[in-house]
PDB file of N, CA and C in Angstrom:
ATOM      1  N   MET A   1     -18.849 -24.856  42.168  1.00  0.00           N
ATOM      2  CA  MET A   1     -18.343 -26.047  41.552  1.00  0.00           C
ATOM      3  C   MET A   1     -19.496 -26.686  40.790  1.00  0.00           C
ATOM      4  N   THR A   2     -19.224 -27.065  39.550  1.00  0.00           N
ATOM      5  CA  THR A   2     -20.260 -27.668  38.718  1.00  0.00           C
ATOM      6  C   THR A   2     -19.733 -28.962  38.109  1.00  0.00           C
ATOM      7  N   PHE A   3     -20.499 -30.038  38.248  1.00  0.00           N
ATOM      8  CA  PHE A   3     -20.166 -31.335  37.657  1.00  0.00           C
ATOM      9  C   PHE A   3     -21.020 -31.517  36.404  1.00  0.00           C
ATOM     10  N   VAL A   4     -20.364 -31.776  35.267  1.00  0.00           N
ATOM     11  CA  VAL A   4     -21.063 -31.952  33.993  1.00  0.00           C
ATOM     12  C   VAL A   4     -20.665 -33.311  33.420  1.00  0.00           C
ATOM     13  N   LEU A   5     -21.656 -34.171  33.187  1.00  0.00           N
ATOM     14  CA  LEU A   5     -21.420 -35.497  32.617  1.00  0.00           C
ATOM     15  C   LEU A   5     -22.019 -35.533  31.220  1.00  0.00           C
ATOM     16  N   ASP A   6     -21.187 -35.772  30.229  1.00  0.00           N
ATOM     17  CA  ASP A   6     -21.622 -35.844  28.825  1.00  0.00           C
ATOM     18  C   ASP A   6     -22.447 -34.620  28.418  1.00  0.00           C
ATOM     19  N   GLY A   7     -22.027 -33.449  28.872  1.00  0.00           N
ATOM     20  CA  GLY A   7     -22.683 -32.210  28.495  1.00  0.00           C
ATOM     21  C   GLY A   7     -23.897 -31.831  29.331  1.00  0.00           C
ATOM     22  N   LYS A   8     -24.236 -32.630  30.336  1.00  0.00           N
ATOM     23  CA  LYS A   8     -25.411 -32.354  31.166  1.00  0.00           C
ATOM     24  C   LYS A   8     -24.980 -32.113  32.618  1.00  0.00           C
ATOM     25  N   VAL A   9     -25.440 -31.002  33.209  1.00  0.00           N
ATOM     26  CA  VAL A   9     -25.113 -30.696  34.607  1.00  0.00           C
ATOM     27  C   VAL A   9     -25.784 -31.736  35.502  1.00  0.00           C
ATOM     28  N   ILE A  10     -24.961 -32.403  36.341  1.00  0.00           N
ATOM     29  CA  ILE A  10     -25.512 -33.414  37.245  1.00  0.00           C
ATOM     30  C   ILE A  10     -25.483 -32.966  38.705  1.00  0.00           C
ATOM     31  N   LYS A  11     -24.629 -31.994  39.028  1.00  0.00           N
ATOM     32  CA  LYS A  11     -24.546 -31.509  40.414  1.00  0.00           C
ATOM     33  C   LYS A  11     -23.893 -30.141  40.404  1.00  0.00           C
ATOM     34  N   ARG A  12     -24.422 -29.245  41.246  1.00  0.00           N
ATOM     35  CA  ARG A  12     -23.854 -27.894  41.347  1.00  0.00           C
ATOM     36  C   ARG A  12     -23.793 -27.496  42.818  1.00  0.00           C
ATOM     37  N   TYR A  13     -22.635 -26.996  43.230  1.00  0.00           N
ATOM     38  CA  TYR A  13     -22.445 -26.470  44.577  1.00  0.00           C
ATOM     39  C   TYR A  13     -22.209 -24.973  44.468  1.00  0.00           C
ATOM     40  N   THR A  14     -22.907 -24.201  45.272  1.00  0.00           N
ATOM     41  CA  THR A  14     -22.695 -22.755  45.279  1.00  0.00           C
ATOM     42  C   THR A  14     -22.055 -22.287  46.584  1.00  0.00           C
ATOM     43  N   LYS A  15     -22.004 -23.173  47.578  1.00  0.00           N
ATOM     44  CA  LYS A  15     -21.378 -22.845  48.859  1.00  0.00           C
ATOM     45  C   LYS A  15     -20.449 -23.981  49.257  1.00  0.00           C
ATOM     46  N   ASP A  16     -19.497 -23.645  50.093  1.00  0.00           N
ATOM     47  CA  ASP A  16     -18.557 -24.640  50.597  1.00  0.00           C
ATOM     48  C   ASP A  16     -19.300 -25.646  51.473  1.00  0.00           C
ATOM     49  N   THR A  17     -18.864 -26.892  51.428  1.00  0.00           N
ATOM     50  CA  THR A  17     -19.466 -27.917  52.285  1.00  0.00           C
ATOM     51  C   THR A  17     -18.792 -27.876  53.648  1.00  0.00           C
ATOM     52  N   SER A  18     -19.404 -28.475  54.646  1.00  0.00           N
ATOM     53  CA  SER A  18     -18.873 -28.430  56.008  1.00  0.00           C
ATOM     54  C   SER A  18     -17.517 -29.126  56.139  1.00  0.00           C
ATOM     55  N   ASN A  19     -17.291 -30.163  55.338  1.00  0.00           N
ATOM     56  CA  ASN A  19     -16.018 -30.892  55.444  1.00  0.00           C
ATOM     57  C   ASN A  19     -15.074 -30.606  54.274  1.00  0.00           C
ATOM     58  N   GLY A  20     -15.459 -29.730  53.358  1.00  0.00           N
ATOM     59  CA  GLY A  20     -14.583 -29.361  52.240  1.00  0.00           C
ATOM     60  C   GLY A  20     -14.592 -30.359  51.100  1.00  0.00           C
ATOM     61  N   SER A  21     -15.455 -31.368  51.144  1.00  0.00           N
ATOM     62  CA  SER A  21     -15.549 -32.370  50.082  1.00  0.00           C
ATOM     63  C   SER A  21     -16.760 -32.081  49.197  1.00  0.00           C
ATOM     64  N   PHE A  22     -16.586 -32.308  47.925  1.00  0.00           N
ATOM     65  CA  PHE A  22     -17.671 -32.124  46.968  1.00  0.00           C
ATOM     66  C   PHE A  22     -17.880 -33.449  46.249  1.00  0.00           C
ATOM     67  N   VAL A  23     -19.120 -33.940  46.214  1.00  0.00           N
ATOM     68  CA  VAL A  23     -19.404 -35.271  45.685  1.00  0.00           C
ATOM     69  C   VAL A  23     -20.518 -35.203  44.652  1.00  0.00           C
ATOM     70  N   ALA A  24     -20.346 -35.950  43.582  1.00  0.00           N
ATOM     71  CA  ALA A  24     -21.414 -36.160  42.603  1.00  0.00           C
ATOM     72  C   ALA A  24     -21.455 -37.656  42.335  1.00  0.00           C
ATOM     73  N   ARG A  25     -22.559 -38.278  42.628  1.00  0.00           N
ATOM     74  CA  ARG A  25     -22.689 -39.723  42.424  1.00  0.00           C
ATOM     75  C   ARG A  25     -23.252 -40.005  41.033  1.00  0.00           C
ATOM     76  N   ILE A  26     -22.653 -41.002  40.375  1.00  0.00           N
ATOM     77  CA  ILE A  26     -23.077 -41.394  39.032  1.00  0.00           C
ATOM     78  C   ILE A  26     -23.521 -42.844  39.098  1.00  0.00           C
ATOM     79  N   ASN A  27     -24.739 -43.113  38.660  1.00  0.00           N
ATOM     80  CA  ASN A  27     -25.259 -44.476  38.648  1.00  0.00           C
ATOM     81  C   ASN A  27     -24.875 -45.115  37.312  1.00  0.00           C
ATOM     82  N   PRO A  28     -23.938 -46.069  37.300  1.00  0.00           N
ATOM     83  CA  PRO A  28     -23.499 -46.666  36.043  1.00  0.00           C
ATOM     84  C   PRO A  28     -24.612 -47.422  35.314  1.00  0.00           C
ATOM     85  N   ALA A  29     -25.640 -47.856  36.031  1.00  0.00           N
ATOM     86  CA  ALA A  29     -26.742 -48.576  35.384  1.00  0.00           C
ATOM     87  C   ALA A  29     -27.511 -47.674  34.419  1.00  0.00           C
ATOM     88  N   LYS A  30     -27.436 -46.353  34.635  1.00  0.00           N
ATOM     89  CA  LYS A  30     -28.154 -45.416  33.777  1.00  0.00           C
ATOM     90  C   LYS A  30     -27.322 -44.939  32.580  1.00  0.00           C
ATOM     91  N   LEU A  31     -26.068 -45.373  32.506  1.00  0.00           N
ATOM     92  CA  LEU A  31     -25.188 -44.959  31.415  1.00  0.00           C
ATOM     93  C   LEU A  31     -25.216 -45.973  30.280  1.00  0.00           C
ATOM     94  N   LYS A  32     -25.090 -45.484  29.075  1.00  0.00           N
ATOM     95  CA  LYS A  32     -24.980 -46.367  27.913  1.00  0.00           C
ATOM     96  C   LYS A  32     -23.563 -46.909  27.825  1.00  0.00           C
ATOM     97  N   VAL A  33     -23.388 -48.003  27.119  1.00  0.00           N
ATOM     98  CA  VAL A  33     -22.066 -48.569  26.885  1.00  0.00           C
ATOM     99  C   VAL A  33     -21.289 -47.585  26.019  1.00  0.00           C
ATOM    100  N   GLY A  34     -20.043 -47.324  26.391  1.00  0.00           N
ATOM    101  CA  GLY A  34     -19.201 -46.421  25.617  1.00  0.00           C
ATOM    102  C   GLY A  34     -18.436 -45.456  26.500  1.00  0.00           C
ATOM    103  N   VAL A  35     -17.820 -44.465  25.872  1.00  0.00           N
ATOM    104  CA  VAL A  35     -16.982 -43.496  26.564  1.00  0.00           C
ATOM    105  C   VAL A  35     -17.836 -42.343  27.088  1.00  0.00           C
ATOM    106  N   HIS A  36     -17.549 -41.934  28.319  1.00  0.00           N
ATOM    107  CA  HIS A  36     -18.260 -40.821  28.957  1.00  0.00           C
ATOM    108  C   HIS A  36     -17.238 -39.805  29.439  1.00  0.00           C
ATOM    109  N   ARG A  37     -17.634 -38.542  29.451  1.00  0.00           N
ATOM    110  CA  ARG A  37     -16.732 -37.470  29.870  1.00  0.00           C
ATOM    111  C   ARG A  37     -17.342 -36.683  31.022  1.00  0.00           C
ATOM    112  N   LEU A  38     -16.547 -36.529  32.073  1.00  0.00           N
ATOM    113  CA  LEU A  38     -16.943 -35.751  33.236  1.00  0.00           C
ATOM    114  C   LEU A  38     -16.039 -34.526  33.296  1.00  0.00           C
ATOM    115  N   VAL A  39     -16.641 -33.344  33.389  1.00  0.00           N
ATOM    116  CA  VAL A  39     -15.894 -32.091  33.527  1.00  0.00           C
ATOM    117  C   VAL A  39     -16.378 -31.411  34.797  1.00  0.00           C
ATOM    118  N   VAL A  40     -15.435 -31.028  35.646  1.00  0.00           N
ATOM    119  CA  VAL A  40     -15.761 -30.313  36.874  1.00  0.00           C
ATOM    120  C   VAL A  40     -15.177 -28.907  36.755  1.00  0.00           C
ATOM    121  N   SER A  41     -16.049 -27.915  36.798  1.00  0.00           N
ATOM    122  CA  SER A  41     -15.624 -26.518  36.746  1.00  0.00           C
ATOM    123  C   SER A  41     -15.551 -25.988  38.165  1.00  0.00           C
ATOM    124  N   VAL A  42     -14.385 -25.475  38.531  1.00  0.00           N
ATOM    125  CA  VAL A  42     -14.159 -24.971  39.879  1.00  0.00           C
ATOM    126  C   VAL A  42     -13.931 -23.468  39.805  1.00  0.00           C
ATOM    127  N   THR A  43     -14.732 -22.708  40.546  1.00  0.00           N
ATOM    128  CA  THR A  43     -14.580 -21.262  40.626  1.00  0.00           C
ATOM    129  C   THR A  43     -14.278 -20.897  42.069  1.00  0.00           C
ATOM    130  N   PHE A  44     -13.215 -20.140  42.257  1.00  0.00           N
ATOM    131  CA  PHE A  44     -12.786 -19.756  43.596  1.00  0.00           C
ATOM    132  C   PHE A  44     -13.330 -18.370  43.942  1.00  0.00           C
ATOM    133  N   VAL A  45     -13.357 -18.027  45.232  1.00  0.00           N
ATOM    134  CA  VAL A  45     -13.777 -16.688  45.640  1.00  0.00           C
ATOM    135  C   VAL A  45     -12.763 -15.682  45.111  1.00  0.00           C
ATOM    136  N   LYS A  46     -13.224 -14.495  44.779  1.00  0.00           N
ATOM    137  CA  LYS A  46     -12.353 -13.475  44.181  1.00  0.00           C
ATOM    138  C   LYS A  46     -11.172 -13.128  45.073  1.00  0.00           C
ATOM    139  N   ALA A  47     -11.376 -13.135  46.392  1.00  0.00           N
ATOM    140  CA  ALA A  47     -10.300 -12.779  47.328  1.00  0.00           C
ATOM    141  C   ALA A  47      -9.123 -13.748  47.255  1.00  0.00           C
ATOM    142  N   ALA A  48      -9.362 -14.984  46.793  1.00  0.00           N
ATOM    143  CA  ALA A  48      -8.282 -15.973  46.703  1.00  0.00           C
ATOM    144  C   ALA A  48      -7.313 -15.636  45.581  1.00  0.00           C
ATOM    145  N   GLY A  49      -7.802 -14.946  44.554  1.00  0.00           N
ATOM    146  CA  GLY A  49      -6.935 -14.600  43.430  1.00  0.00           C
ATOM    147  C   GLY A  49      -6.572 -15.794  42.562  1.00  0.00           C
ATOM    148  N   THR A  50      -7.288 -16.878  42.688  1.00  0.00           N
ATOM    149  CA  THR A  50      -7.028 -18.087  41.900  1.00  0.00           C
ATOM    150  C   THR A  50      -7.987 -18.124  40.715  1.00  0.00           C
ATOM    151  N   PRO A  51      -7.456 -18.304  39.518  1.00  0.00           N
ATOM    152  CA  PRO A  51      -8.350 -18.346  38.352  1.00  0.00           C
ATOM    153  C   PRO A  51      -9.200 -19.621  38.341  1.00  0.00           C
ATOM    154  N   PRO A  52     -10.346 -19.601  37.647  1.00  0.00           N
ATOM    155  CA  PRO A  52     -11.188 -20.800  37.530  1.00  0.00           C
ATOM    156  C   PRO A  52     -10.418 -21.954  36.888  1.00  0.00           C
ATOM    157  N   ARG A  53     -10.783 -23.165  37.250  1.00  0.00           N
ATOM    158  CA  ARG A  53     -10.121 -24.364  36.703  1.00  0.00           C
ATOM    159  C   ARG A  53     -11.162 -25.346  36.212  1.00  0.00           C
ATOM    160  N   LYS A  54     -10.753 -26.172  35.248  1.00  0.00           N
ATOM    161  CA  LYS A  54     -11.602 -27.271  34.779  1.00  0.00           C
ATOM    162  C   LYS A  54     -10.822 -28.568  34.932  1.00  0.00           C
ATOM    163  N   LEU A  55     -11.452 -29.536  35.563  1.00  0.00           N
ATOM    164  CA  LEU A  55     -10.867 -30.865  35.729  1.00  0.00           C
ATOM    165  C   LEU A  55     -11.631 -31.803  34.810  1.00  0.00           C
ATOM    166  N   ARG A  56     -10.924 -32.590  34.019  1.00  0.00           N
ATOM    167  CA  ARG A  56     -11.560 -33.464  33.036  1.00  0.00           C
ATOM    168  C   ARG A  56     -11.204 -34.926  33.306  1.00  0.00           C
ATOM    169  N   LEU A  57     -12.212 -35.777  33.121  1.00  0.00           N
ATOM    170  CA  LEU A  57     -12.034 -37.212  33.304  1.00  0.00           C
ATOM    171  C   LEU A  57     -12.854 -37.941  32.251  1.00  0.00           C
ATOM    172  N   SER A  58     -12.249 -38.916  31.607  1.00  0.00           N
ATOM    173  CA  SER A  58     -12.969 -39.778  30.666  1.00  0.00           C
ATOM    174  C   SER A  58     -12.955 -41.195  31.211  1.00  0.00           C
ATOM    175  N   PHE A  59     -14.064 -41.885  31.068  1.00  0.00           N
ATOM    176  CA  PHE A  59     -14.135 -43.280  31.490  1.00  0.00           C
ATOM    177  C   PHE A  59     -15.048 -44.026  30.527  1.00  0.00           C
ATOM    178  N   GLN A  60     -14.964 -45.336  30.575  1.00  0.00           N
ATOM    179  CA  GLN A  60     -15.732 -46.156  29.646  1.00  0.00           C
ATOM    180  C   GLN A  60     -16.563 -47.176  30.399  1.00  0.00           C
ATOM    181  N   LYS A  61     -17.828 -47.283  29.988  1.00  0.00           N
ATOM    182  CA  LYS A  61     -18.679 -48.347  30.509  1.00  0.00           C
ATOM    183  C   LYS A  61     -18.624 -49.486  29.498  1.00  0.00           C
ATOM    184  N   CYS A  62     -18.267 -50.644  29.989  1.00  0.00           N
ATOM    185  CA  CYS A  62     -18.146 -51.816  29.115  1.00  0.00           C
ATOM    186  C   CYS A  62     -19.465 -52.585  29.093  1.00  0.00           C
ATOM    187  N   ALA A  63     -19.610 -53.399  28.070  1.00  0.00           N
ATOM    188  CA  ALA A  63     -20.796 -54.256  27.958  1.00  0.00           C
ATOM    189  C   ALA A  63     -20.786 -55.264  29.096  1.00  0.00           C
ATOM    190  N   LYS A  64     -21.968 -55.660  29.542  1.00  0.00           N
ATOM    191  CA  LYS A  64     -22.070 -56.638  30.623  1.00  0.00           C
ATOM    192  C   LYS A  64     -21.489 -57.978  30.216  1.00  0.00           C
ATOM    193  N   LYS A  65     -21.775 -58.369  28.995  1.00  0.00           N
ATOM    194  CA  LYS A  65     -21.354 -59.679  28.535  1.00  0.00           C
ATOM    195  C   LYS A  65     -20.847 -59.534  27.104  1.00  0.00           C
ATOM    196  N   LEU A  66     -19.709 -60.147  26.837  1.00  0.00           N
ATOM    197  CA  LEU A  66     -19.190 -60.095  25.485  1.00  0.00           C
ATOM    198  C   LEU A  66     -19.978 -61.033  24.589  1.00  0.00           C
ATOM    199  N   ALA A  67     -20.308 -60.570  23.415  1.00  0.00           N
ATOM    200  CA  ALA A  67     -21.047 -61.389  22.460  1.00  0.00           C
ATOM    201  C   ALA A  67     -20.071 -61.941  21.432  1.00  0.00           C
ATOM    202  N   LEU A  68     -20.200 -63.213  21.143  1.00  0.00           N
ATOM    203  CA  LEU A  68     -19.353 -63.825  20.128  1.00  0.00           C
ATOM    204  C   LEU A  68     -19.823 -63.392  18.744  1.00  0.00           C
ATOM    205  N   PRO A  69     -18.874 -63.209  17.819  1.00  0.00           N
ATOM    206  CA  PRO A  69     -19.292 -62.833  16.467  1.00  0.00           C
ATOM    207  C   PRO A  69     -20.058 -63.970  15.807  1.00  0.00           C
ATOM    208  N   ARG A  70     -21.003 -63.621  14.971  1.00  0.00           N
ATOM    209  CA  ARG A  70     -21.784 -64.621  14.241  1.00  0.00           C
ATOM    210  C   ARG A  70     -21.163 -64.845  12.865  1.00  0.00           C
ATOM    211  N   PHE A  71     -20.883 -66.091  12.577  1.00  0.00           N
ATOM    212  CA  PHE A  71     -20.348 -66.448  11.277  1.00  0.00           C
ATOM    213  C   PHE A  71     -21.417 -67.162  10.482  1.00  0.00           C
ATOM    214  N   THR A  72     -21.579 -66.773   9.238  1.00  0.00           N
ATOM    215  CA  THR A  72     -22.601 -67.409   8.417  1.00  0.00           C
ATOM    216  C   THR A  72     -22.009 -68.393   7.422  1.00  0.00           C
ATOM    217  N   GLY A  73     -20.708 -68.549   7.450  1.00  0.00           N
ATOM    218  CA  GLY A  73     -19.969 -69.240   6.496  1.00  0.00           C
ATOM    219  C   GLY A  73     -20.033 -70.602   6.169  1.00  0.00           C
TER     220      GLY A  73
END
């Protein structure tokens, strides 16, 4: 299982976890304002006969504070 955020690998699992959960933590303070894309590629063992899957998620980080427009008029 591979977690890719905005084209950069942030976490990779090569073995099953003890509880079956896979986690990738994202620190929003390190993200720029705007839309971000997370893609998780899941590859199953060959014996399962399940083809690889990709899960996609888009989210947006908003500005901390809205700025009023400046009028020069």
